[in-house]
Amino acid sequence: MKSTLKMIMSLENGKSTTLSLAAPRQNLTAADVTAFLTEVIAKQAIVVNGSPVTAIKKIYIEDVDEKVLA
């Protein structure tokens, strides 16, 4: 099974952006991710088309199970 951390954030222009991280560590918590994203937002470290990230919308881990066809 493949896991991907999805972090959806609001932009200043009213749109949203998604950061994806493949294979997040097993013991990752919402508090860990929130602390990281709060720092990213405070430092305006992510800017998309001139619009900085302003808020966290949603954080989740997506699990995908691959099945090979015979």
PDB file of N, CA and C in Angstrom:
ATOM      1  N   MET A   1       0.842  -1.170   0.000  1.00  0.00           N
ATOM      2  CA  MET A   1       0.000   0.000   0.000  1.00  0.00           C
ATOM      3  C   MET A   1       0.887   1.233   0.000  1.00  0.00           C
ATOM      4  N   LYS A   2       0.541   2.197  -0.825  1.00  0.00           N
ATOM      5  CA  LYS A   2       1.278   3.452  -0.895  1.00  0.00           C
ATOM      6  C   LYS A   2       0.521   4.513  -0.104  1.00  0.00           C
ATOM      7  N   SER A   3       1.260   5.267   0.727  1.00  0.00           N
ATOM      8  CA  SER A   3       0.676   6.350   1.507  1.00  0.00           C
ATOM      9  C   SER A   3       1.238   7.688   1.041  1.00  0.00           C
ATOM     10  N   THR A   4       0.370   8.689   1.015  1.00  0.00           N
ATOM     11  CA  THR A   4       0.775  10.037   0.641  1.00  0.00           C
ATOM     12  C   THR A   4       0.139  11.029   1.607  1.00  0.00           C
ATOM     13  N   LEU A   5       0.956  11.901   2.173  1.00  0.00           N
ATOM     14  CA  LEU A   5       0.451  12.977   3.016  1.00  0.00           C
ATOM     15  C   LEU A   5      -0.024  14.091   2.105  1.00  0.00           C
ATOM     16  N   LYS A   6      -1.261  14.522   2.271  1.00  0.00           N
ATOM     17  CA  LYS A   6      -1.836  15.609   1.481  1.00  0.00           C
ATOM     18  C   LYS A   6      -2.084  16.794   2.409  1.00  0.00           C
ATOM     19  N   MET A   7      -1.570  17.954   2.009  1.00  0.00           N
ATOM     20  CA  MET A   7      -1.742  19.178   2.791  1.00  0.00           C
ATOM     21  C   MET A   7      -2.390  20.226   1.892  1.00  0.00           C
ATOM     22  N   ILE A   8      -3.642  20.528   2.138  1.00  0.00           N
ATOM     23  CA  ILE A   8      -4.376  21.489   1.324  1.00  0.00           C
ATOM     24  C   ILE A   8      -4.401  22.809   2.087  1.00  0.00           C
ATOM     25  N   MET A   9      -3.986  23.885   1.376  1.00  0.00           N
ATOM     26  CA  MET A   9      -3.881  25.186   2.022  1.00  0.00           C
ATOM     27  C   MET A   9      -4.577  26.264   1.195  1.00  0.00           C
ATOM     28  N   SER A  10      -5.075  27.288   1.882  1.00  0.00           N
ATOM     29  CA  SER A  10      -5.701  28.431   1.225  1.00  0.00           C
ATOM     30  C   SER A  10      -4.638  29.432   0.819  1.00  0.00           C
ATOM     31  N   LEU A  11      -4.879  30.067  -0.325  1.00  0.00           N
ATOM     32  CA  LEU A  11      -3.998  31.122  -0.802  1.00  0.00           C
ATOM     33  C   LEU A  11      -4.658  32.478  -0.586  1.00  0.00           C
ATOM     34  N   GLU A  12      -3.859  33.520  -0.576  1.00  0.00           N
ATOM     35  CA  GLU A  12      -4.349  34.880  -0.369  1.00  0.00           C
ATOM     36  C   GLU A  12      -5.384  35.289  -1.421  1.00  0.00           C
ATOM     37  N   ASN A  13      -5.275  34.736  -2.640  1.00  0.00           N
ATOM     38  CA  ASN A  13      -6.189  35.098  -3.723  1.00  0.00           C
ATOM     39  C   ASN A  13      -7.514  34.324  -3.686  1.00  0.00           C
ATOM     40  N   GLY A  14      -7.740  33.539  -2.631  1.00  0.00           N
ATOM     41  CA  GLY A  14      -8.986  32.796  -2.490  1.00  0.00           C
ATOM     42  C   GLY A  14      -8.947  31.386  -3.068  1.00  0.00           C
ATOM     43  N   LYS A  15      -7.891  31.052  -3.772  1.00  0.00           N
ATOM     44  CA  LYS A  15      -7.754  29.705  -4.325  1.00  0.00           C
ATOM     45  C   LYS A  15      -7.076  28.807  -3.302  1.00  0.00           C
ATOM     46  N   SER A  16      -6.800  27.569  -3.691  1.00  0.00           N
ATOM     47  CA  SER A  16      -6.098  26.663  -2.787  1.00  0.00           C
ATOM     48  C   SER A  16      -4.990  25.941  -3.541  1.00  0.00           C
ATOM     49  N   THR A  17      -4.080  25.366  -2.775  1.00  0.00           N
ATOM     50  CA  THR A  17      -2.975  24.592  -3.333  1.00  0.00           C
ATOM     51  C   THR A  17      -2.771  23.360  -2.471  1.00  0.00           C
ATOM     52  N   THR A  18      -2.237  22.318  -3.078  1.00  0.00           N
ATOM     53  CA  THR A  18      -2.009  21.069  -2.359  1.00  0.00           C
ATOM     54  C   THR A  18      -0.539  20.680  -2.438  1.00  0.00           C
ATOM     55  N   LEU A  19       0.034  20.369  -1.282  1.00  0.00           N
ATOM     56  CA  LEU A  19       1.371  19.788  -1.214  1.00  0.00           C
ATOM     57  C   LEU A  19       1.200  18.314  -0.913  1.00  0.00           C
ATOM     58  N   SER A  20       1.943  17.471  -1.614  1.00  0.00           N
ATOM     59  CA  SER A  20       1.882  16.028  -1.396  1.00  0.00           C
ATOM     60  C   SER A  20       3.265  15.524  -1.031  1.00  0.00           C
ATOM     61  N   LEU A  21       3.317  14.633  -0.060  1.00  0.00           N
ATOM     62  CA  LEU A  21       4.570  14.036   0.377  1.00  0.00           C
ATOM     63  C   LEU A  21       4.394  12.521   0.390  1.00  0.00           C
ATOM     64  N   ALA A  22       5.160  11.844  -0.463  1.00  0.00           N
ATOM     65  CA  ALA A  22       5.070  10.392  -0.543  1.00  0.00           C
ATOM     66  C   ALA A  22       5.715   9.740   0.668  1.00  0.00           C
ATOM     67  N   ALA A  23       5.153   8.639   1.097  1.00  0.00           N
ATOM     68  CA  ALA A  23       5.693   7.804   2.176  1.00  0.00           C
ATOM     69  C   ALA A  23       5.988   8.579   3.465  1.00  0.00           C
ATOM     70  N   PRO A  24       4.975   9.214   4.060  1.00  0.00           N
ATOM     71  CA  PRO A  24       5.217   9.905   5.327  1.00  0.00           C
ATOM     72  C   PRO A  24       5.535   8.896   6.429  1.00  0.00           C
ATOM     73  N   ARG A  25       6.258   9.350   7.439  1.00  0.00           N
ATOM     74  CA  ARG A  25       6.628   8.433   8.519  1.00  0.00           C
ATOM     75  C   ARG A  25       5.372   7.927   9.244  1.00  0.00           C
ATOM     76  N   GLN A  26       5.474   6.742   9.796  1.00  0.00           N
ATOM     77  CA  GLN A  26       4.335   6.062  10.416  1.00  0.00           C
ATOM     78  C   GLN A  26       3.753   6.805  11.614  1.00  0.00           C
ATOM     79  N   ASN A  27       4.606   7.441  12.413  1.00  0.00           N
ATOM     80  CA  ASN A  27       4.136   8.081  13.645  1.00  0.00           C
ATOM     81  C   ASN A  27       3.841   9.574  13.475  1.00  0.00           C
ATOM     82  N   LEU A  28       3.648  10.030  12.249  1.00  0.00           N
ATOM     83  CA  LEU A  28       3.343  11.433  11.977  1.00  0.00           C
ATOM     84  C   LEU A  28       1.981  11.788  12.560  1.00  0.00           C
ATOM     85  N   THR A  29       1.898  12.956  13.212  1.00  0.00           N
ATOM     86  CA  THR A  29       0.629  13.394  13.801  1.00  0.00           C
ATOM     87  C   THR A  29       0.156  14.690  13.148  1.00  0.00           C
ATOM     88  N   ALA A  30      -1.107  14.987  13.340  1.00  0.00           N
ATOM     89  CA  ALA A  30      -1.666  16.243  12.847  1.00  0.00           C
ATOM     90  C   ALA A  30      -0.948  17.424  13.486  1.00  0.00           C
ATOM     91  N   ALA A  31      -0.564  17.295  14.747  1.00  0.00           N
ATOM     92  CA  ALA A  31       0.150  18.373  15.443  1.00  0.00           C
ATOM     93  C   ALA A  31       1.501  18.642  14.782  1.00  0.00           C
ATOM     94  N   ASP A  32       2.202  17.584  14.363  1.00  0.00           N
ATOM     95  CA  ASP A  32       3.490  17.738  13.669  1.00  0.00           C
ATOM     96  C   ASP A  32       3.316  18.542  12.379  1.00  0.00           C
ATOM     97  N   VAL A  33       2.351  18.144  11.589  1.00  0.00           N
ATOM     98  CA  VAL A  33       2.125  18.785  10.296  1.00  0.00           C
ATOM     99  C   VAL A  33       1.625  20.216  10.491  1.00  0.00           C
ATOM    100  N   THR A  34       0.734  20.424  11.440  1.00  0.00           N
ATOM    101  CA  THR A  34       0.211  21.757  11.708  1.00  0.00           C
ATOM    102  C   THR A  34       1.322  22.704  12.152  1.00  0.00           C
ATOM    103  N   ALA A  35       2.211  22.238  13.010  1.00  0.00           N
ATOM    104  CA  ALA A  35       3.337  23.071  13.468  1.00  0.00           C
ATOM    105  C   ALA A  35       4.220  23.462  12.285  1.00  0.00           C
ATOM    106  N   PHE A  36       4.510  22.506  11.410  1.00  0.00           N
ATOM    107  CA  PHE A  36       5.317  22.777  10.222  1.00  0.00           C
ATOM    108  C   PHE A  36       4.627  23.801   9.320  1.00  0.00           C
ATOM    109  N   LEU A  37       3.354  23.579   9.008  1.00  0.00           N
ATOM    110  CA  LEU A  37       2.640  24.469   8.098  1.00  0.00           C
ATOM    111  C   LEU A  37       2.443  25.859   8.690  1.00  0.00           C
ATOM    112  N   THR A  38       2.276  25.947   9.998  1.00  0.00           N
ATOM    113  CA  THR A  38       2.145  27.249  10.658  1.00  0.00           C
ATOM    114  C   THR A  38       3.416  28.071  10.455  1.00  0.00           C
ATOM    115  N   GLU A  39       4.557  27.425  10.551  1.00  0.00           N
ATOM    116  CA  GLU A  39       5.831  28.107  10.323  1.00  0.00           C
ATOM    117  C   GLU A  39       5.984  28.513   8.852  1.00  0.00           C
ATOM    118  N   VAL A  40       5.582  27.637   7.952  1.00  0.00           N
ATOM    119  CA  VAL A  40       5.625  27.942   6.522  1.00  0.00           C
ATOM    120  C   VAL A  40       4.765  29.167   6.216  1.00  0.00           C
ATOM    121  N   ILE A  41       3.574  29.216   6.784  1.00  0.00           N
ATOM    122  CA  ILE A  41       2.660  30.336   6.565  1.00  0.00           C
ATOM    123  C   ILE A  41       3.246  31.622   7.140  1.00  0.00           C
ATOM    124  N   ALA A  42       3.767  31.567   8.356  1.00  0.00           N
ATOM    125  CA  ALA A  42       4.331  32.759   9.006  1.00  0.00           C
ATOM    126  C   ALA A  42       5.498  33.342   8.205  1.00  0.00           C
ATOM    127  N   LYS A  43       6.293  32.470   7.597  1.00  0.00           N
ATOM    128  CA  LYS A  43       7.466  32.924   6.831  1.00  0.00           C
ATOM    129  C   LYS A  43       7.140  33.186   5.355  1.00  0.00           C
ATOM    130  N   GLN A  44       5.890  32.980   4.963  1.00  0.00           N
ATOM    131  CA  GLN A  44       5.465  33.095   3.572  1.00  0.00           C
ATOM    132  C   GLN A  44       6.426  32.327   2.666  1.00  0.00           C
ATOM    133  N   ALA A  45       6.737  31.106   3.081  1.00  0.00           N
ATOM    134  CA  ALA A  45       7.699  30.269   2.377  1.00  0.00           C
ATOM    135  C   ALA A  45       7.134  29.659   1.097  1.00  0.00           C
ATOM    136  N   ILE A  46       5.815  29.596   0.982  1.00  0.00           N
ATOM    137  CA  ILE A  46       5.193  29.056  -0.233  1.00  0.00           C
ATOM    138  C   ILE A  46       4.342  30.148  -0.865  1.00  0.00           C
ATOM    139  N   VAL A  47       4.662  30.448  -2.119  1.00  0.00           N
ATOM    140  CA  VAL A  47       3.918  31.445  -2.892  1.00  0.00           C
ATOM    141  C   VAL A  47       3.581  30.800  -4.229  1.00  0.00           C
ATOM    142  N   VAL A  48       2.301  30.821  -4.581  1.00  0.00           N
ATOM    143  CA  VAL A  48       1.842  30.228  -5.833  1.00  0.00           C
ATOM    144  C   VAL A  48       1.300  31.342  -6.724  1.00  0.00           C
ATOM    145  N   ASN A  49       1.938  31.545  -7.870  1.00  0.00           N
ATOM    146  CA  ASN A  49       1.535  32.606  -8.802  1.00  0.00           C
ATOM    147  C   ASN A  49       1.397  33.957  -8.104  1.00  0.00           C
ATOM    148  N   GLY A  50       2.341  34.264  -7.228  1.00  0.00           N
ATOM    149  CA  GLY A  50       2.361  35.553  -6.528  1.00  0.00           C
ATOM    150  C   GLY A  50       1.462  35.636  -5.312  1.00  0.00           C
ATOM    151  N   SER A  51       0.771  34.567  -4.975  1.00  0.00           N
ATOM    152  CA  SER A  51      -0.156  34.570  -3.842  1.00  0.00           C
ATOM    153  C   SER A  51       0.351  33.648  -2.735  1.00  0.00           C
ATOM    154  N   PRO A  52       0.657  34.202  -1.564  1.00  0.00           N
ATOM    155  CA  PRO A  52       1.168  33.370  -0.468  1.00  0.00           C
ATOM    156  C   PRO A  52       0.075  32.521   0.189  1.00  0.00           C
ATOM    157  N   VAL A  53       0.513  31.448   0.828  1.00  0.00           N
ATOM    158  CA  VAL A  53      -0.389  30.598   1.607  1.00  0.00           C
ATOM    159  C   VAL A  53      -0.823  31.369   2.846  1.00  0.00           C
ATOM    160  N   THR A  54      -2.128  31.299   3.170  1.00  0.00           N
ATOM    161  CA  THR A  54      -2.650  32.037   4.318  1.00  0.00           C
ATOM    162  C   THR A  54      -3.229  31.156   5.416  1.00  0.00           C
ATOM    163  N   ALA A  55      -3.623  29.923   5.080  1.00  0.00           N
ATOM    164  CA  ALA A  55      -4.263  29.068   6.090  1.00  0.00           C
ATOM    165  C   ALA A  55      -4.215  27.601   5.672  1.00  0.00           C
ATOM    166  N   ILE A  56      -4.370  26.742   6.663  1.00  0.00           N
ATOM    167  CA  ILE A  56      -4.459  25.301   6.437  1.00  0.00           C
ATOM    168  C   ILE A  56      -5.929  24.957   6.245  1.00  0.00           C
ATOM    169  N   LYS A  57      -6.255  24.254   5.165  1.00  0.00           N
ATOM    170  CA  LYS A  57      -7.632  23.830   4.933  1.00  0.00           C
ATOM    171  C   LYS A  57      -7.864  22.399   5.408  1.00  0.00           C
ATOM    172  N   LYS A  58      -6.952  21.500   5.027  1.00  0.00           N
ATOM    173  CA  LYS A  58      -7.162  20.089   5.338  1.00  0.00           C
ATOM    174  C   LYS A  58      -5.827  19.352   5.284  1.00  0.00           C
ATOM    175  N   ILE A  59      -5.657  18.412   6.211  1.00  0.00           N
ATOM    176  CA  ILE A  59      -4.465  17.559   6.246  1.00  0.00           C
ATOM    177  C   ILE A  59      -4.954  16.122   6.365  1.00  0.00           C
ATOM    178  N   TYR A  60      -4.461  15.245   5.486  1.00  0.00           N
ATOM    179  CA  TYR A  60      -4.853  13.839   5.581  1.00  0.00           C
ATOM    180  C   TYR A  60      -3.821  12.945   4.901  1.00  0.00           C
ATOM    181  N   ILE A  61      -3.880  11.674   5.206  1.00  0.00           N
ATOM    182  CA  ILE A  61      -3.030  10.690   4.545  1.00  0.00           C
ATOM    183  C   ILE A  61      -3.915   9.849   3.639  1.00  0.00           C
ATOM    184  N   GLU A  62      -3.509   9.777   2.388  1.00  0.00           N
ATOM    185  CA  GLU A  62      -4.221   8.994   1.381  1.00  0.00           C
ATOM    186  C   GLU A  62      -3.472   7.675   1.192  1.00  0.00           C
ATOM    187  N   ASP A  63      -4.171   6.576   1.378  1.00  0.00           N
ATOM    188  CA  ASP A  63      -3.602   5.246   1.183  1.00  0.00           C
ATOM    189  C   ASP A  63      -4.163   4.659  -0.107  1.00  0.00           C
ATOM    190  N   VAL A  64      -3.267   4.169  -0.955  1.00  0.00           N
ATOM    191  CA  VAL A  64      -3.668   3.562  -2.226  1.00  0.00           C
ATOM    192  C   VAL A  64      -3.129   2.148  -2.271  1.00  0.00           C
ATOM    193  N   ASP A  65      -4.009   1.234  -2.563  1.00  0.00           N
ATOM    194  CA  ASP A  65      -3.626  -0.169  -2.654  1.00  0.00           C
ATOM    195  C   ASP A  65      -3.562  -0.538  -4.139  1.00  0.00           C
ATOM    196  N   GLU A  66      -2.382  -0.932  -4.602  1.00  0.00           N
ATOM    197  CA  GLU A  66      -2.220  -1.319  -6.004  1.00  0.00           C
ATOM    198  C   GLU A  66      -2.454  -2.803  -6.179  1.00  0.00           C
ATOM    199  N   LYS A  67      -3.171  -3.149  -7.235  1.00  0.00           N
ATOM    200  CA  LYS A  67      -3.405  -4.553  -7.557  1.00  0.00           C
ATOM    201  C   LYS A  67      -2.994  -4.786  -9.000  1.00  0.00           C
ATOM    202  N   VAL A  68      -2.100  -5.715  -9.194  1.00  0.00           N
ATOM    203  CA  VAL A  68      -1.613  -6.058 -10.528  1.00  0.00           C
ATOM    204  C   VAL A  68      -2.642  -6.965 -11.185  1.00  0.00           C
ATOM    205  N   LEU A  69      -2.968  -6.632 -12.416  1.00  0.00           N
ATOM    206  CA  LEU A  69      -3.897  -7.463 -13.168  1.00  0.00           C
ATOM    207  C   LEU A  69      -3.165  -8.651 -13.759  1.00  0.00           C
ATOM    208  N   ALA A  70      -3.824  -9.798 -13.743  1.00  0.00           N
ATOM    209  CA  ALA A  70      -3.196 -11.020 -14.284  1.00  0.00           C
ATOM    210  C   ALA A  70      -3.425 -11.123 -15.763  1.00  0.00           C
TER     211      ALA A  70
END
